[in-house]
Structure formats: C-alpha cells, structure tokens
N, C-alpha and C. Protein backbone atom coordinates (compact mmCIF):
# COMPACT_ATOMS: atom_id res chain seq x y z
N UNK A 1 22.45 12.07 -54.52
CA UNK A 1 23.44 11.41 -53.51
C UNK A 1 23.96 9.87 -54.06
N UNK A 2 25.18 9.70 -53.58
CA UNK A 2 26.56 8.47 -54.50
C UNK A 2 26.01 7.84 -52.28
N UNK A 3 26.02 5.98 -52.64
CA UNK A 3 26.16 5.46 -51.95
C UNK A 3 26.99 5.52 -50.47
N UNK A 4 27.82 5.97 -51.08
CA UNK A 4 29.26 6.06 -50.34
C UNK A 4 29.14 7.24 -49.38
N UNK A 5 27.82 8.52 -50.60
CA UNK A 5 28.04 9.21 -49.04
C UNK A 5 26.65 9.78 -48.35
N UNK A 6 25.92 8.61 -48.65
CA UNK A 6 25.09 7.47 -47.70
C UNK A 6 25.28 7.42 -46.44
N UNK A 7 26.69 6.72 -46.62
CA UNK A 7 27.19 5.44 -45.63
C UNK A 7 28.09 6.78 -45.16
N UNK A 8 28.82 7.37 -45.92
CA UNK A 8 29.65 8.64 -44.26
C UNK A 8 28.55 8.85 -43.36
N UNK A 9 27.17 9.66 -44.15
CA UNK A 9 26.38 10.46 -43.47
C UNK A 9 25.86 9.60 -42.41
N UNK A 10 25.62 7.80 -42.33
CA UNK A 10 25.02 6.86 -42.09
C UNK A 10 25.79 7.07 -40.88
N UNK A 11 27.59 6.81 -41.03
CA UNK A 11 28.01 6.86 -40.08
C UNK A 11 28.14 7.98 -38.63
N UNK A 12 27.96 8.94 -39.50
CA UNK A 12 28.16 10.14 -38.24
C UNK A 12 26.70 10.26 -37.28
N UNK A 13 26.12 9.46 -37.37
CA UNK A 13 25.25 9.16 -36.63
C UNK A 13 25.31 8.17 -35.31
N UNK A 14 24.74 8.16 -34.23
CA UNK A 14 25.14 7.83 -32.83
C UNK A 14 24.53 6.11 -33.19
N UNK A 15 25.12 5.13 -32.39
CA UNK A 15 25.64 4.43 -32.15
C UNK A 15 23.73 3.71 -32.33
N UNK A 16 22.65 3.63 -31.42
CA UNK A 16 21.21 3.50 -31.61
C UNK A 16 20.72 3.68 -32.39
N UNK A 17 21.14 5.16 -33.32
CA UNK A 17 20.51 5.59 -34.40
C UNK A 17 20.83 4.61 -35.56
N UNK A 18 22.25 4.66 -35.78
CA UNK A 18 22.51 3.37 -36.91
C UNK A 18 21.77 1.70 -36.88
N UNK A 19 21.68 1.69 -35.44
CA UNK A 19 21.43 0.17 -35.77
C UNK A 19 19.52 0.13 -36.02
N UNK A 20 19.22 1.24 -35.82
CA UNK A 20 17.70 1.67 -35.81
C UNK A 20 17.56 1.95 -37.84
N UNK A 21 18.56 2.34 -38.07
CA UNK A 21 18.52 2.38 -39.63
C UNK A 21 19.04 0.86 -39.82
N UNK A 22 20.08 0.44 -39.83
CA UNK A 22 20.61 -1.11 -40.00
C UNK A 22 19.36 -1.59 -40.13
N UNK A 23 18.80 -1.99 -39.10
CA UNK A 23 17.46 -2.18 -38.94
C UNK A 23 16.29 -2.57 -40.01
N UNK A 24 16.05 -1.25 -40.30
CA UNK A 24 15.28 -0.17 -41.55
C UNK A 24 15.69 -0.83 -42.46
N UNK A 25 17.21 -0.56 -42.85
CA UNK A 25 16.99 -1.59 -44.42
C UNK A 25 16.99 -2.53 -44.42
N UNK A 26 18.01 -3.79 -43.40
CA UNK A 26 17.34 -5.02 -43.84
C UNK A 26 16.21 -5.53 -43.43
N UNK A 27 15.49 -5.12 -43.54
CA UNK A 27 13.60 -5.09 -43.06
C UNK A 27 13.74 -4.98 -44.98
N UNK A 28 14.01 -3.88 -45.51
CA UNK A 28 13.11 -3.61 -46.61
C UNK A 28 14.27 -4.41 -47.61
N UNK A 29 15.09 -5.97 -46.93
CA UNK A 29 15.55 -6.79 -47.92
C UNK A 29 14.91 -7.68 -48.29
N UNK A 30 14.17 -8.17 -46.64
CA UNK A 30 12.50 -9.51 -46.93
C UNK A 30 11.45 -8.97 -48.24
N UNK A 31 11.96 -8.24 -48.70
CA UNK A 31 10.07 -8.25 -49.97
C UNK A 31 11.17 -9.01 -50.86
N UNK A 32 12.37 -8.76 -51.10
CA UNK A 32 12.85 -9.27 -52.38
C UNK A 32 12.69 -10.90 -52.10
N UNK A 33 12.40 -11.28 -53.53
CA UNK A 33 12.61 -13.13 -54.02
C UNK A 33 13.76 -13.30 -53.40
N UNK A 34 14.22 -15.23 -53.97
CA UNK A 34 14.87 -16.09 -53.12
C UNK A 34 16.09 -15.18 -54.78
N UNK A 35 15.41 -15.28 -55.55
CA UNK A 35 16.19 -15.33 -56.93
C UNK A 35 16.89 -14.05 -56.87
N UNK A 36 16.35 -13.01 -56.67
CA UNK A 36 16.93 -11.61 -55.89
C UNK A 36 18.10 -11.35 -55.05
N UNK A 37 17.63 -12.12 -54.06
CA UNK A 37 18.66 -12.16 -53.12
C UNK A 37 19.95 -12.80 -53.76
N UNK A 38 19.76 -13.72 -54.48
CA UNK A 38 20.68 -14.96 -54.46
C UNK A 38 22.02 -14.18 -55.74
N UNK A 39 20.86 -13.46 -56.62
CA UNK A 39 21.64 -12.46 -57.61
C UNK A 39 22.55 -11.36 -57.05
N UNK A 40 21.76 -10.81 -55.86
CA UNK A 40 22.46 -9.68 -55.12
C UNK A 40 24.19 -10.38 -54.92
N UNK A 41 23.18 -11.32 -54.01
CA UNK A 41 25.18 -12.24 -53.11
C UNK A 41 24.98 -12.79 -54.28
N UNK A 42 25.99 -12.64 -55.89
CA UNK A 42 26.90 -13.71 -56.41
C UNK A 42 27.50 -11.40 -57.43
N UNK A 43 26.51 -10.56 -57.07
CA UNK A 43 27.26 -9.58 -57.68
C UNK A 43 28.30 -8.86 -56.52
N UNK A 44 27.36 -9.19 -55.13
CA UNK A 44 28.70 -8.42 -54.00
C UNK A 44 30.42 -9.55 -54.09
N UNK A 45 29.73 -10.75 -54.30
CA UNK A 45 31.52 -11.46 -54.51
C UNK A 45 32.15 -11.74 -54.84
N UNK A 46 31.62 -11.07 -56.64
CA UNK A 46 32.25 -10.51 -57.79
C UNK A 46 33.02 -9.52 -58.00
N UNK A 47 32.28 -8.38 -56.63
CA UNK A 47 32.41 -7.03 -56.30
C UNK A 47 34.57 -7.51 -55.03
N UNK A 48 33.50 -8.12 -54.06
CA UNK A 48 34.55 -8.98 -53.22
C UNK A 48 35.78 -9.30 -54.03
N UNK A 49 35.86 -10.03 -55.07
CA UNK A 49 36.84 -10.90 -55.32
C UNK A 49 37.33 -9.79 -56.36
N UNK A 50 36.77 -8.66 -57.25
CA UNK A 50 37.68 -8.10 -58.26
C UNK A 50 38.48 -7.23 -56.74
N UNK A 51 37.90 -6.83 -55.75
CA UNK A 51 38.35 -5.49 -54.88
C UNK A 51 40.44 -6.66 -54.35
N UNK A 52 39.93 -7.87 -53.91
CA UNK A 52 40.95 -8.82 -53.23
C UNK A 52 42.42 -9.29 -54.06
N UNK A 53 41.61 -8.81 -56.33
CA UNK A 53 42.50 -8.57 -56.94
C UNK A 53 43.15 -7.96 -57.54
N UNK A 54 42.49 -6.73 -57.08
CA UNK A 54 43.25 -5.75 -57.42
C UNK A 54 44.02 -4.39 -56.38
N UNK A 55 43.90 -5.37 -55.52
CA UNK A 55 44.74 -4.80 -54.18
C UNK A 55 44.22 -3.59 -53.36
N UNK A 56 42.50 -3.31 -53.54
CA UNK A 56 42.25 -2.35 -52.91
C UNK A 56 41.06 -2.78 -51.31
N UNK A 57 41.56 -4.06 -51.46
CA UNK A 57 40.52 -4.89 -50.31
C UNK A 57 42.14 -6.01 -49.94
N UNK A 58 41.46 -6.37 -48.09
CA UNK A 58 42.71 -7.06 -47.99
C UNK A 58 41.70 -8.35 -47.33
N UNK A 59 41.82 -9.78 -46.72
CA UNK A 59 41.42 -10.08 -45.77
C UNK A 59 41.76 -9.99 -44.62
N UNK A 60 40.53 -10.71 -43.86
CA UNK A 60 41.12 -10.63 -42.55
C UNK A 60 40.95 -11.45 -41.92
N UNK A 61 41.43 -12.55 -40.98
CA UNK A 61 40.03 -13.75 -39.59
C UNK A 61 39.63 -12.63 -39.28
N UNK A 62 38.49 -14.10 -39.53
CA UNK A 62 37.47 -13.90 -38.93
C UNK A 62 37.26 -13.38 -37.11
N UNK A 63 37.87 -13.70 -36.84
CA UNK A 63 38.68 -13.67 -35.01
C UNK A 63 38.27 -11.93 -35.27
N UNK A 64 39.62 -11.79 -36.18
CA UNK A 64 39.75 -10.58 -35.31
C UNK A 64 39.33 -9.62 -35.99
N UNK A 65 37.76 -9.55 -36.82
CA UNK A 65 36.99 -8.94 -37.07
C UNK A 65 36.00 -9.18 -36.36
N UNK A 66 35.68 -10.28 -35.63
CA UNK A 66 34.65 -9.98 -34.57
C UNK A 66 35.14 -9.11 -33.42
N UNK A 67 36.39 -9.11 -33.04
CA UNK A 67 36.80 -8.55 -31.32
C UNK A 67 36.76 -7.57 -31.74
N UNK A 68 37.14 -6.61 -33.78
CA UNK A 68 37.06 -5.60 -33.04
C UNK A 68 35.53 -4.65 -33.47
N UNK A 69 34.67 -5.92 -34.18
CA UNK A 69 32.98 -5.10 -34.23
C UNK A 69 32.63 -5.45 -32.48
N UNK A 70 33.19 -6.16 -31.71
CA UNK A 70 32.99 -6.12 -30.43
C UNK A 70 33.48 -5.15 -29.54
N UNK A 71 34.38 -5.24 -29.91
CA UNK A 71 35.57 -3.59 -29.35
C UNK A 71 34.71 -2.35 -29.75
N UNK A 72 34.22 -2.11 -30.98
CA UNK A 72 33.19 -1.30 -30.99
C UNK A 72 31.81 -1.26 -30.85
N UNK A 73 31.26 -2.11 -30.90
CA UNK A 73 29.83 -2.40 -29.64
C UNK A 73 30.59 -1.93 -28.96
N UNK A 74 31.03 -2.02 -28.22
CA UNK A 74 31.03 -1.70 -26.49
C UNK A 74 31.43 -0.83 -26.33
N UNK A 75 32.13 0.50 -26.99
CA UNK A 75 33.27 1.60 -26.90
C UNK A 75 31.59 2.53 -27.27
N UNK A 76 31.20 2.16 -27.95
CA UNK A 76 29.69 3.20 -28.43
C UNK A 76 28.83 2.90 -27.38
N UNK A 77 28.34 1.67 -26.53
CA UNK A 77 27.69 2.29 -26.21
C UNK A 77 28.41 2.76 -24.47
N UNK A 78 29.68 3.09 -24.58
CA UNK A 78 29.71 3.67 -23.86
C UNK A 78 30.05 4.95 -23.84
N UNK A 79 29.78 5.87 -25.22
CA UNK A 79 29.65 6.96 -25.54
C UNK A 79 30.94 7.43 -26.01
N UNK A 80 31.32 6.46 -26.38
CA UNK A 80 32.41 6.81 -26.93
C UNK A 80 32.73 7.06 -28.53
N UNK A 81 31.78 6.18 -28.69
CA UNK A 81 31.86 5.67 -30.51
C UNK A 81 32.57 5.57 -31.06
N UNK A 82 33.15 4.66 -32.36
CA UNK A 82 33.65 4.28 -33.27
C UNK A 82 34.11 4.93 -33.83
N UNK A 83 35.14 5.21 -35.02
CA UNK A 83 35.02 5.68 -36.56
C UNK A 83 35.04 4.58 -37.15
N UNK A 84 34.55 4.50 -38.59
CA UNK A 84 35.21 3.72 -38.91
C UNK A 84 35.89 3.88 -40.59
N UNK A 85 36.59 3.41 -41.49
CA UNK A 85 37.33 4.04 -42.05
C UNK A 85 37.04 3.93 -43.06
N UNK A 86 37.05 4.37 -44.53
CA UNK A 86 36.13 3.44 -46.23
C UNK A 86 37.83 2.18 -45.77
N UNK A 87 38.36 2.12 -45.55
CA UNK A 87 39.19 1.03 -46.16
C UNK A 87 38.31 -0.28 -44.80
N UNK A 88 38.39 -0.46 -43.70
CA UNK A 88 37.36 -0.97 -43.07
C UNK A 88 35.83 -1.19 -43.31
N UNK A 89 35.66 -0.36 -44.24
CA UNK A 89 33.92 -0.42 -44.16
C UNK A 89 34.16 -1.28 -45.77
N UNK A 90 35.19 -0.87 -46.51
CA UNK A 90 34.99 -1.94 -47.91
C UNK A 90 34.94 -3.22 -47.71
N UNK A 91 35.23 -4.10 -46.72
CA UNK A 91 35.42 -5.20 -46.56
C UNK A 91 33.94 -5.91 -45.86
N UNK A 92 33.16 -5.44 -45.48
CA UNK A 92 31.29 -5.90 -45.44
C UNK A 92 30.46 -5.58 -46.29
N UNK A 93 29.54 -6.14 -46.59
CA UNK A 93 28.91 -6.16 -47.55
C UNK A 93 27.60 -5.39 -47.32
N UNK A 94 27.57 -4.81 -46.60
CA UNK A 94 26.64 -4.57 -46.11
C UNK A 94 27.03 -2.61 -46.11
C-alpha cells in the first residue's frame, strides 16, 4: 500500500479516529534521533521546494490555513466532517 493510499483511507475515518491515529503516528516519531529528525525535515523542505518550483503546489497565507483548519475542526465536531482534497493535503508536511 502506498503512502497516498494510506492517507486516503485515513481521511475516511471519523475526526476522533483520525486524531487518535495522528497522535499514535506523532508518538512513533519520538523514537527518532535529533539527526534523523533533522534529515527528515531537510528532505521534506526539498520536496516542498520542488513542488513549488514545478507548480504542483502553491503557497497560502498562514492566516488562511489556520482559518480553514478551525472551520474543518469545528465542522467535524458537529458531525459534518470536512473532506480534504489531494491538492489541499499536499501543503501539509504530515
């Protein structure tokens, strides 16, 4: 299964289930050394830069990102649940 397939399946989960999965995934990173964490962030920065250069991703103001995140969070809590599109998920490092 590819990372994209795992991501697509995870996004089908209810908000609480996604939060629990995210917590487990983040906790799993705690075992990494500082050097490994730095290497992964450098790799991610290079990937993001390449996406921006190729035009497959675009930048957004942080204010807009946080506004959308709050809206998605609160709509998920009320049972509505927001769906993420492939283009919007590419902007996040995780």
